[in-house]
Amino acid sequence: MIVFFLIIVFGISTLPTNVSALLVDDAVQAAQQNHRQIDVSRENADQARAAALSARAGYLPQLDLKYNYTNRDQDPFQLGDESSTFAIIGSLNLFNGLRTQNRYKGAKHRTRAAEYLLNSTISDITLFARQSYIEVLRADRSLETAQEGVELLILQQKNAELHFKHGLIARNDLLRVEVELSSARQELLTTQGQAQITRRKLERVTGLQLQEETFHEKGLYSFSADKNQNMVGYQQELLENRSELHYLREQLAASKRDRSVSKGNYLPRVDLSLAHEEYGDSLLPGDLPDSTDNDNKLMLSASWNLFDGYSSRSAVAVVDSQIRSIAAELHDTEAELLFQLETALHTSRIAQGRLQEAKIGVDQAIENYRVTENRFQQQQATTVDLLDAQFLLTRSRNLEVNARYDLFLSAAVLDRTLERKSINLQ
C-alpha cells in the first residue's frame, strides 16, 4: 500500500506545469553566447587575422612624401640662404630572401591556429554546459528520492506508533524508526543544498538567471558503440577532429615559416624605387619657373649583409628550439588524447552495464519492500526488517539515478573527446 502511495506521489510530482522548461540545447546555446572565455578566444582569433593582413602588406608598394627646408646663416657653397626639397617616392621590394612570403604564410598558419583554439574553447564550454545541466538533473532526481524516503519513513512512523499503542512492538522499535526519520530529513536538507549549488553552477556557465525553470532529459543521449568501428577507427576520428591537435600543427607550421624568415637574412635584398623631387630657394619648393628645379629618379638598389654579429644564426637557433618544443608538445598531446579516448570508451560501456543492473535492482527492491511491508502488517516481520527494506529501496534508487546520469555524462565526455557536435559561433 505504501509503495503504491509513493508511486502516485512521484507521478504527481512529475506532471507538466506551466513553468518554462530549459532544455540542454538551450543551456549549450546560452553558454556559447554568454561565456567570456569564448569572447577572449574570439578576440584572439581577430587579432591573428589582423596580423595576417599586416604581413600581407609586404607584397604591396610603399608611397612616401618627404619635405626638407634649410635656412643658413652662412652660405659657403653659394647655395642660397634658404632651400627646400619636396619629394614623392614610390618603392617596391623585388626580393628580400623570401622573408615577406614566409612571414605572411606564418601569419596565416597562426590565424588558423587561433581559429582552432576558438573551436576548442567552444567545445570545452559546450561540455561544461552539458555536464552542469546533467548534474542539475541528477540533483533533482536525488532530491525526489530523498523526499520519497522521508515520506516513506513518516508513514512507517505512524504505523509504528499505532503498533506501539496496541503493544505490538517495543518502544525501542519506535525509537529506531524516529532515528531513521531524523537521518533521512538531514539527508534531504543536504540534497536540497546540493540541488541549489548545481543550479548556481549552471547559471555560472550559461550566464542565465534561473528561477523556476524545469529541466528534462530531452536532447540527452547515451553512447552506443558503433559495431562497424573499432578502436583504430575511433583513434583516427580523434586525430582528425581534435582542434588542439590542429592548433599545435598550425603553430608548428608557423614556426617553420619563422625559421625561413630568419634564414632569409642570409640572402640579398633588392628594391626598386621611383621618385619625383622639386627644389626651391624659399619655404615653398618648385616656385621657380626653371625646369631644372624638378627631378625624376628611377633607382634600383641591392644590399647584402655579410656579417651581423651572429644575430641571424642566433635567431635561427631560437626558432629551432621552439620547433622542437612544439613538436614534443604535439606528440605528448596526441598520446594524452588517445588515453582520454580509451578511458571515455571504457567509462561509457561500464556506465551502460551499471544502469542495466541498477534498473533490475530497483525492481527487486520495490518488490522486496512490498513483501516486507505486508509481512510487517501481518506481524511476521520486524521493524528492523522493514527499515532494512526501506534502506535497500532508497539505496537502489540512488544507484539507478547515479548510473543513469553517469551514462549521460560519459556520452558528453566522449563527444568532447572525439569533438563531435560542437557548434562554432564565429
Protein backbone atom coordinates (compact mmCIF):
# COMPACT_ATOMS: atom_id res chain seq x y z
CA MET A 1 0.00 0.00 0.00
CA ILE A 2 2.77 2.40 0.96
CA VAL A 3 4.66 1.61 -2.25
CA PHE A 4 1.62 2.40 -4.38
CA PHE A 5 1.14 5.66 -2.45
CA LEU A 6 4.72 6.68 -3.23
CA ILE A 7 4.30 5.82 -6.89
CA ILE A 8 1.23 8.11 -7.02
CA VAL A 9 3.11 10.90 -5.24
CA PHE A 10 6.05 10.57 -7.62
CA GLY A 11 3.74 10.62 -10.63
CA ILE A 12 2.04 13.81 -9.43
CA SER A 13 5.41 15.48 -8.84
CA THR A 14 6.44 14.85 -12.43
CA LEU A 15 3.25 16.16 -14.08
CA PRO A 16 3.94 19.02 -16.52
CA THR A 17 3.19 22.54 -15.26
CA ASN A 18 3.16 25.99 -16.76
CA VAL A 19 6.74 26.59 -15.59
CA SER A 20 9.09 27.22 -18.51
CA ALA A 21 11.42 24.40 -19.49
CA LEU A 22 15.14 24.79 -20.15
CA LEU A 23 16.47 22.02 -22.38
CA VAL A 24 20.11 21.02 -22.63
CA ASP A 25 20.40 22.54 -26.10
CA ASP A 26 19.13 25.84 -24.71
CA ALA A 27 21.78 25.72 -21.99
CA VAL A 28 24.52 24.95 -24.50
CA GLN A 29 23.47 27.78 -26.81
CA ALA A 30 23.31 30.24 -23.92
CA ALA A 31 26.77 29.19 -22.73
CA GLN A 32 28.23 29.65 -26.20
CA GLN A 33 26.71 33.11 -26.48
CA ASN A 34 27.45 34.38 -22.97
CA HIS A 35 30.65 32.77 -21.75
CA ARG A 36 33.52 35.25 -21.54
CA GLN A 37 36.20 32.71 -22.34
CA ILE A 38 34.72 32.31 -25.82
CA ASP A 39 34.83 36.09 -26.24
CA VAL A 40 38.52 36.06 -25.28
CA SER A 41 39.30 33.33 -27.81
CA ARG A 42 37.30 35.10 -30.50
CA GLU A 43 39.22 38.34 -29.92
CA ASN A 44 42.50 36.42 -30.16
CA ALA A 45 41.36 35.00 -33.49
CA ASP A 46 40.52 38.51 -34.73
CA GLN A 47 43.98 39.69 -33.67
CA ALA A 48 45.58 36.85 -35.62
CA ARG A 49 43.58 37.75 -38.74
CA ALA A 50 44.66 41.39 -38.41
CA ALA A 51 48.29 40.29 -38.06
CA ALA A 52 47.95 38.27 -41.28
CA LEU A 53 46.63 41.34 -43.13
CA SER A 54 49.56 43.34 -41.79
CA ALA A 55 52.03 40.71 -43.01
CA ARG A 56 50.43 40.74 -46.48
CA ALA A 57 51.30 44.44 -46.81
CA GLY A 58 54.87 43.40 -47.62
CA TYR A 59 53.73 42.43 -51.13
CA LEU A 60 52.44 45.94 -51.87
CA PRO A 61 54.45 49.03 -52.91
CA GLN A 62 55.18 51.83 -50.44
CA LEU A 63 54.43 55.50 -51.16
CA ASP A 64 56.14 58.27 -49.14
CA LEU A 65 56.05 62.07 -49.10
CA LYS A 66 59.22 63.90 -47.97
CA TYR A 67 59.84 67.60 -47.33
CA ASN A 68 63.03 69.35 -46.20
CA TYR A 69 63.64 73.06 -45.50
CA THR A 70 67.03 74.63 -44.62
CA ASN A 71 67.89 78.20 -43.51
CA ARG A 72 71.62 79.11 -43.38
CA ASP A 73 73.41 81.95 -41.61
CA GLN A 74 76.36 81.46 -43.93
CA ASP A 75 76.40 80.22 -47.48
CA PRO A 76 79.93 78.98 -48.23
CA PHE A 77 78.80 76.98 -51.27
CA GLN A 78 76.65 79.74 -52.79
CA LEU A 79 73.51 77.65 -52.46
CA GLY A 80 71.38 80.47 -51.12
CA ASP A 81 70.28 81.36 -47.64
CA GLU A 82 67.17 79.21 -47.94
CA SER A 83 66.50 75.91 -49.70
CA SER A 84 63.66 73.39 -49.71
CA THR A 85 63.06 69.97 -51.16
CA PHE A 86 59.80 68.16 -51.78
CA ALA A 87 59.74 64.51 -52.96
CA ILE A 88 57.21 61.79 -53.79
CA ILE A 89 58.82 58.35 -53.58
CA GLY A 90 57.29 55.03 -54.53
CA SER A 91 59.22 51.87 -53.68
CA LEU A 92 58.71 48.15 -54.21
CA ASN A 93 60.68 45.28 -52.79
CA LEU A 94 61.68 42.84 -55.51
CA PHE A 95 63.48 40.30 -53.35
CA ASN A 96 64.30 40.04 -49.63
CA GLY A 97 65.20 36.41 -49.18
CA LEU A 98 61.52 35.34 -49.32
CA ARG A 99 61.01 36.86 -45.90
CA THR A 100 57.76 38.57 -46.91
CA GLN A 101 56.32 35.36 -48.30
CA ASN A 102 57.31 33.28 -45.29
CA ARG A 103 56.17 35.93 -42.81
CA TYR A 104 52.74 36.10 -44.46
CA LYS A 105 52.33 32.32 -44.62
CA GLY A 106 53.40 32.05 -40.99
CA ALA A 107 50.75 34.61 -40.05
CA LYS A 108 48.15 32.60 -41.96
CA HIS A 109 49.11 29.47 -40.02
CA ARG A 110 48.74 31.40 -36.77
CA THR A 111 45.34 32.65 -37.89
CA ARG A 112 44.16 29.07 -38.45
CA ALA A 113 45.72 28.09 -35.12
CA ALA A 114 43.72 30.81 -33.35
CA GLU A 115 40.54 29.63 -35.05
CA TYR A 116 41.18 26.05 -33.93
CA LEU A 117 41.81 27.32 -30.41
CA LEU A 118 38.44 29.09 -30.58
CA ASN A 119 36.81 25.83 -31.67
CA SER A 120 38.48 24.06 -28.76
CA THR A 121 37.20 26.65 -26.31
CA ILE A 122 33.67 26.35 -27.70
CA SER A 123 33.84 22.57 -27.36
CA ASP A 124 35.04 22.88 -23.75
CA ILE A 125 32.26 25.30 -22.84
CA THR A 126 29.74 23.01 -24.57
CA LEU A 127 30.94 20.13 -22.41
CA PHE A 128 30.81 22.25 -19.25
CA ALA A 129 27.24 23.30 -20.05
CA ARG A 130 26.13 19.71 -20.68
CA GLN A 131 27.85 18.47 -17.54
CA SER A 132 26.29 21.22 -15.44
CA TYR A 133 22.85 20.51 -16.90
CA ILE A 134 23.18 16.77 -16.23
CA GLU A 135 24.27 17.45 -12.65
CA VAL A 136 21.13 19.56 -12.15
CA LEU A 137 19.02 16.63 -13.36
CA ARG A 138 20.93 14.25 -11.10
CA ALA A 139 20.43 16.56 -8.10
CA ASP A 140 16.70 16.93 -8.84
CA ARG A 141 16.23 13.17 -9.12
CA SER A 142 18.27 12.60 -5.96
CA LEU A 143 16.08 15.17 -4.21
CA GLU A 144 12.96 13.31 -5.31
CA THR A 145 14.44 10.07 -3.99
CA ALA A 146 15.29 11.71 -0.66
CA GLN A 147 11.77 13.13 -0.41
CA GLU A 148 10.32 9.69 -1.14
CA GLY A 149 12.48 8.24 1.62
CA VAL A 150 11.24 10.82 4.13
CA GLU A 151 7.60 10.25 3.13
CA LEU A 152 8.11 6.52 3.46
CA LEU A 153 9.58 6.84 6.93
CA ILE A 154 6.80 9.21 8.01
CA LEU A 155 4.26 6.53 7.11
CA GLN A 156 6.36 3.95 8.90
CA GLN A 157 6.48 6.19 11.97
CA LYS A 158 2.68 6.48 12.01
CA ASN A 159 2.28 2.71 11.69
CA ALA A 160 4.93 2.13 14.34
CA GLU A 161 3.09 4.49 16.75
CA LEU A 162 -0.14 2.56 16.22
CA HIS A 163 1.62 -0.76 16.78
CA PHE A 164 3.29 0.63 19.90
CA LYS A 165 -0.01 1.87 21.35
CA HIS A 166 -1.51 -1.58 20.87
CA GLY A 167 1.54 -3.21 22.39
CA LEU A 168 2.58 -4.95 19.18
CA ILE A 169 6.13 -3.54 19.14
CA ALA A 170 8.58 -2.37 21.77
CA ARG A 171 9.44 1.29 22.36
CA ASN A 172 12.97 0.83 21.00
CA ASP A 173 11.49 -0.22 17.64
CA LEU A 174 9.53 3.04 17.53
CA LEU A 175 12.65 4.98 18.50
CA ARG A 176 14.62 3.25 15.74
CA VAL A 177 12.09 4.45 13.16
CA GLU A 178 12.24 8.00 14.53
CA VAL A 179 16.06 7.98 14.40
CA GLU A 180 15.97 6.82 10.80
CA LEU A 181 13.43 9.55 10.00
CA SER A 182 15.69 12.18 11.54
CA SER A 183 18.64 10.93 9.47
CA ALA A 184 16.54 10.93 6.31
CA ARG A 185 15.47 14.53 6.95
CA GLN A 186 19.10 15.57 7.40
CA GLU A 187 19.96 13.84 4.13
CA LEU A 188 17.06 15.67 2.48
CA LEU A 189 18.45 19.03 3.63
CA THR A 190 21.88 18.13 2.25
CA THR A 191 20.34 17.08 -1.06
CA GLN A 192 18.34 20.31 -1.27
CA GLY A 193 21.50 22.33 -0.76
CA GLN A 194 23.31 20.34 -3.44
CA ALA A 195 20.44 20.94 -5.87
CA GLN A 196 20.78 24.70 -5.31
CA ILE A 197 24.54 24.55 -5.85
CA THR A 198 24.16 22.70 -9.16
CA ARG A 199 21.71 25.35 -10.36
CA ARG A 200 24.12 28.15 -9.44
CA LYS A 201 26.86 26.34 -11.31
CA LEU A 202 24.65 26.08 -14.38
CA GLU A 203 23.93 29.81 -14.09
CA ARG A 204 27.66 30.49 -13.98
CA VAL A 205 28.31 28.51 -17.14
CA THR A 206 25.32 29.71 -19.18
CA GLY A 207 25.07 33.29 -17.95
CA LEU A 208 21.34 32.79 -17.30
CA GLN A 209 19.35 33.67 -14.20
CA LEU A 210 17.44 30.51 -13.33
CA GLN A 211 14.23 30.93 -11.35
CA GLU A 212 11.56 28.22 -11.61
CA GLU A 213 12.73 26.57 -14.81
CA THR A 214 12.21 22.85 -15.20
CA PHE A 215 14.80 20.51 -16.67
CA HIS A 216 14.24 17.49 -18.88
CA GLU A 217 16.26 14.69 -20.40
CA LYS A 218 15.16 15.64 -23.91
CA GLY A 219 18.27 16.19 -26.01
CA LEU A 220 20.45 13.94 -23.85
CA TYR A 221 21.52 10.56 -25.13
CA SER A 222 23.67 7.65 -24.10
CA PHE A 223 26.62 6.34 -26.02
CA SER A 224 26.19 3.20 -28.09
CA ALA A 225 29.34 1.79 -29.66
CA ASP A 226 29.31 1.51 -33.43
CA LYS A 227 29.72 -2.15 -34.29
CA ASN A 228 31.38 -1.21 -37.58
CA GLN A 229 34.01 0.99 -35.90
CA ASN A 230 36.85 -0.46 -33.87
CA MET A 231 39.31 1.29 -31.59
CA VAL A 232 41.51 2.24 -34.54
CA GLY A 233 38.54 3.97 -36.16
CA TYR A 234 37.84 6.00 -33.04
CA GLN A 235 41.51 6.93 -32.79
CA GLN A 236 41.55 8.12 -36.38
CA GLU A 237 38.41 10.17 -35.77
CA LEU A 238 40.04 11.81 -32.77
CA LEU A 239 43.26 12.63 -34.61
CA GLU A 240 41.27 14.20 -37.45
CA ASN A 241 38.79 16.16 -35.30
CA ARG A 242 40.55 17.50 -32.23
CA SER A 243 41.14 21.23 -32.50
CA GLU A 244 44.02 21.11 -30.01
CA LEU A 245 46.00 18.91 -32.40
CA HIS A 246 45.21 21.16 -35.36
CA TYR A 247 46.23 24.15 -33.26
CA LEU A 248 49.64 22.66 -32.48
CA ARG A 249 50.13 21.55 -36.08
CA GLU A 250 49.44 25.07 -37.32
CA GLN A 251 51.76 26.52 -34.67
CA LEU A 252 54.46 24.09 -35.78
CA ALA A 253 54.00 25.11 -39.42
CA ALA A 254 54.13 28.79 -38.42
CA SER A 255 57.39 28.26 -36.51
CA LYS A 256 58.93 26.59 -39.54
CA ARG A 257 58.00 29.67 -41.54
CA ASP A 258 59.63 31.80 -38.84
CA ARG A 259 62.79 29.79 -39.36
CA SER A 260 62.69 30.53 -43.08
CA VAL A 261 62.22 34.23 -42.27
CA SER A 262 65.31 34.20 -40.07
CA LYS A 263 67.33 32.35 -42.70
CA GLY A 264 66.24 34.93 -45.27
CA ASN A 265 68.64 37.36 -43.59
CA TYR A 266 71.48 35.43 -45.23
CA LEU A 267 70.22 36.39 -48.71
CA PRO A 268 70.48 39.75 -50.53
CA ARG A 269 67.76 42.39 -50.76
CA VAL A 270 66.70 44.14 -53.98
CA ASP A 271 64.43 47.21 -54.06
CA LEU A 272 63.06 49.36 -56.86
CA SER A 273 62.05 52.98 -56.26
CA LEU A 274 60.71 55.87 -58.34
CA ALA A 275 60.98 59.43 -57.00
CA HIS A 276 59.85 62.86 -58.15
CA GLU A 277 61.67 65.76 -56.43
CA GLU A 278 61.16 69.53 -56.56
CA TYR A 279 63.68 72.12 -55.26
CA GLY A 280 63.41 75.77 -54.30
CA ASP A 281 65.33 78.60 -52.59
CA SER A 282 62.40 79.60 -50.35
CA LEU A 283 59.97 77.95 -47.94
CA LEU A 284 57.92 76.55 -50.82
CA PRO A 285 59.79 74.32 -53.29
CA GLY A 286 59.20 74.40 -57.00
CA ASP A 287 58.26 78.10 -57.09
CA LEU A 288 60.85 78.93 -59.77
CA PRO A 289 60.00 78.66 -63.45
CA ASP A 290 63.26 76.89 -64.26
CA SER A 291 62.52 73.22 -65.04
CA THR A 292 65.89 72.18 -63.68
CA ASP A 293 64.42 72.59 -60.22
CA ASN A 294 62.46 69.39 -60.80
CA ASP A 295 63.96 65.90 -60.97
CA ASN A 296 62.65 62.37 -61.59
CA LYS A 297 64.66 59.37 -60.39
CA LEU A 298 64.41 55.63 -61.04
CA MET A 299 66.60 53.70 -58.65
CA LEU A 300 67.43 50.01 -58.28
CA SER A 301 69.29 49.14 -55.12
CA ALA A 302 70.73 45.84 -53.90
CA SER A 303 72.25 45.09 -50.50
CA TRP A 304 73.72 42.00 -48.91
CA ASN A 305 74.72 41.76 -45.29
CA LEU A 306 77.97 39.86 -44.88
CA PHE A 307 78.14 39.84 -41.10
CA ASP A 308 75.53 40.81 -38.47
CA GLY A 309 77.26 39.73 -35.28
CA TYR A 310 75.69 36.23 -35.45
CA SER A 311 72.23 37.77 -34.98
CA SER A 312 70.67 35.71 -37.78
CA ARG A 313 72.28 32.49 -36.59
CA SER A 314 71.01 33.09 -33.05
CA ALA A 315 67.52 33.84 -34.37
CA VAL A 316 67.50 30.55 -36.31
CA ALA A 317 68.64 28.67 -33.17
CA VAL A 318 65.81 30.21 -31.15
CA VAL A 319 63.22 29.15 -33.70
CA ASP A 320 64.71 25.65 -33.98
CA SER A 321 64.30 25.25 -30.22
CA GLN A 322 60.71 26.45 -30.48
CA ILE A 323 60.01 23.94 -33.26
CA ARG A 324 61.34 21.08 -31.16
CA SER A 325 59.25 22.23 -28.19
CA ILE A 326 56.01 22.39 -30.19
CA ALA A 327 56.72 19.01 -31.83
CA ALA A 328 57.24 17.43 -28.41
CA GLU A 329 54.04 19.04 -27.11
CA LEU A 330 52.13 17.77 -30.15
CA HIS A 331 53.38 14.23 -29.58
CA ASP A 332 52.50 14.36 -25.87
CA THR A 333 49.05 15.82 -26.58
CA GLU A 334 48.27 13.07 -29.08
CA ALA A 335 49.22 10.41 -26.52
CA GLU A 336 47.16 12.08 -23.78
CA LEU A 337 44.09 12.45 -26.02
CA LEU A 338 44.29 8.81 -27.12
CA PHE A 339 44.41 7.81 -23.47
CA GLN A 340 41.38 10.02 -22.79
CA LEU A 341 39.56 8.29 -25.66
CA GLU A 342 40.27 4.83 -24.30
CA THR A 343 39.15 5.92 -20.83
CA ALA A 344 35.96 7.53 -22.19
CA LEU A 345 35.02 4.40 -24.15
CA HIS A 346 35.55 2.14 -21.14
CA THR A 347 33.64 4.54 -18.88
CA SER A 348 30.70 4.62 -21.30
CA ARG A 349 30.49 0.85 -21.55
CA ILE A 350 30.74 0.46 -17.76
CA ALA A 351 28.00 3.06 -17.27
CA GLN A 352 25.71 1.13 -19.63
CA GLY A 353 26.21 -2.07 -17.66
CA ARG A 354 25.70 -0.29 -14.33
CA LEU A 355 22.42 1.23 -15.48
CA GLN A 356 21.06 -2.14 -16.62
CA GLU A 357 21.90 -3.70 -13.28
CA ALA A 358 20.58 -0.68 -11.36
CA LYS A 359 17.18 -0.93 -13.05
CA ILE A 360 16.94 -4.58 -12.08
CA GLY A 361 17.95 -3.66 -8.54
CA VAL A 362 15.20 -1.04 -8.25
CA ASP A 363 12.53 -3.51 -9.37
CA GLN A 364 13.77 -6.09 -6.89
CA ALA A 365 13.96 -3.52 -4.06
CA ILE A 366 10.38 -2.37 -4.72
CA GLU A 367 9.14 -5.94 -4.62
CA ASN A 368 11.19 -6.68 -1.52
CA TYR A 369 9.71 -3.67 0.28
CA ARG A 370 6.19 -4.64 -0.75
CA VAL A 371 6.61 -8.15 0.58
CA THR A 372 8.27 -6.98 3.80
CA GLU A 373 5.61 -4.32 4.40
CA ASN A 374 2.85 -6.94 4.03
CA ARG A 375 4.68 -9.28 6.39
CA PHE A 376 5.08 -6.44 8.87
CA GLN A 377 1.33 -5.75 8.80
CA GLN A 378 0.80 -9.44 9.49
CA GLN A 379 3.35 -9.27 12.33
CA GLN A 380 5.64 -11.70 10.51
CA ALA A 381 8.43 -9.13 10.03
CA THR A 382 10.05 -6.79 12.50
CA THR A 383 10.58 -3.04 12.37
CA VAL A 384 14.22 -3.69 11.63
CA ASP A 385 13.25 -5.81 8.64
CA LEU A 386 11.05 -3.02 7.32
CA LEU A 387 13.75 -0.39 7.85
CA ASP A 388 16.26 -2.59 6.06
CA ALA A 389 13.87 -2.98 3.14
CA GLN A 390 13.35 0.78 3.05
CA PHE A 391 17.11 1.36 3.13
CA LEU A 392 17.63 -1.06 0.24
CA LEU A 393 14.90 0.68 -1.76
CA THR A 394 16.40 4.15 -1.23
CA ARG A 395 19.90 2.93 -1.99
CA SER A 396 18.81 1.12 -5.17
CA ARG A 397 17.03 4.27 -6.37
CA ASN A 398 20.14 6.35 -5.72
CA LEU A 399 22.28 3.82 -7.55
CA GLU A 400 19.89 3.95 -10.51
CA VAL A 401 19.95 7.76 -10.53
CA ASN A 402 23.75 7.90 -10.42
CA ALA A 403 24.14 5.21 -13.07
CA ARG A 404 21.64 6.93 -15.34
CA TYR A 405 23.30 10.33 -15.25
CA ASP A 406 26.80 8.89 -15.27
CA LEU A 407 25.81 7.37 -18.59
CA PHE A 408 24.70 10.75 -19.92
CA LEU A 409 27.91 12.32 -18.61
CA SER A 410 30.07 9.67 -20.25
CA ALA A 411 28.35 10.32 -23.60
CA ALA A 412 29.03 14.06 -23.26
CA VAL A 413 32.68 13.43 -22.38
CA LEU A 414 33.08 11.04 -25.30
CA ASP A 415 31.58 13.62 -27.66
CA ARG A 416 34.12 16.14 -26.41
CA THR A 417 36.96 13.64 -26.69
CA LEU A 418 36.05 12.96 -30.31
CA GLU A 419 35.00 16.61 -30.76
CA ARG A 420 31.58 15.78 -32.08
CA LYS A 421 28.56 18.09 -32.25
CA SER A 422 30.41 21.25 -31.31
CA ILE A 423 28.81 24.47 -32.58
CA ASN A 424 31.09 27.15 -33.97
CA LEU A 425 29.70 30.65 -33.50
CA GLN A 426 32.47 32.57 -35.28
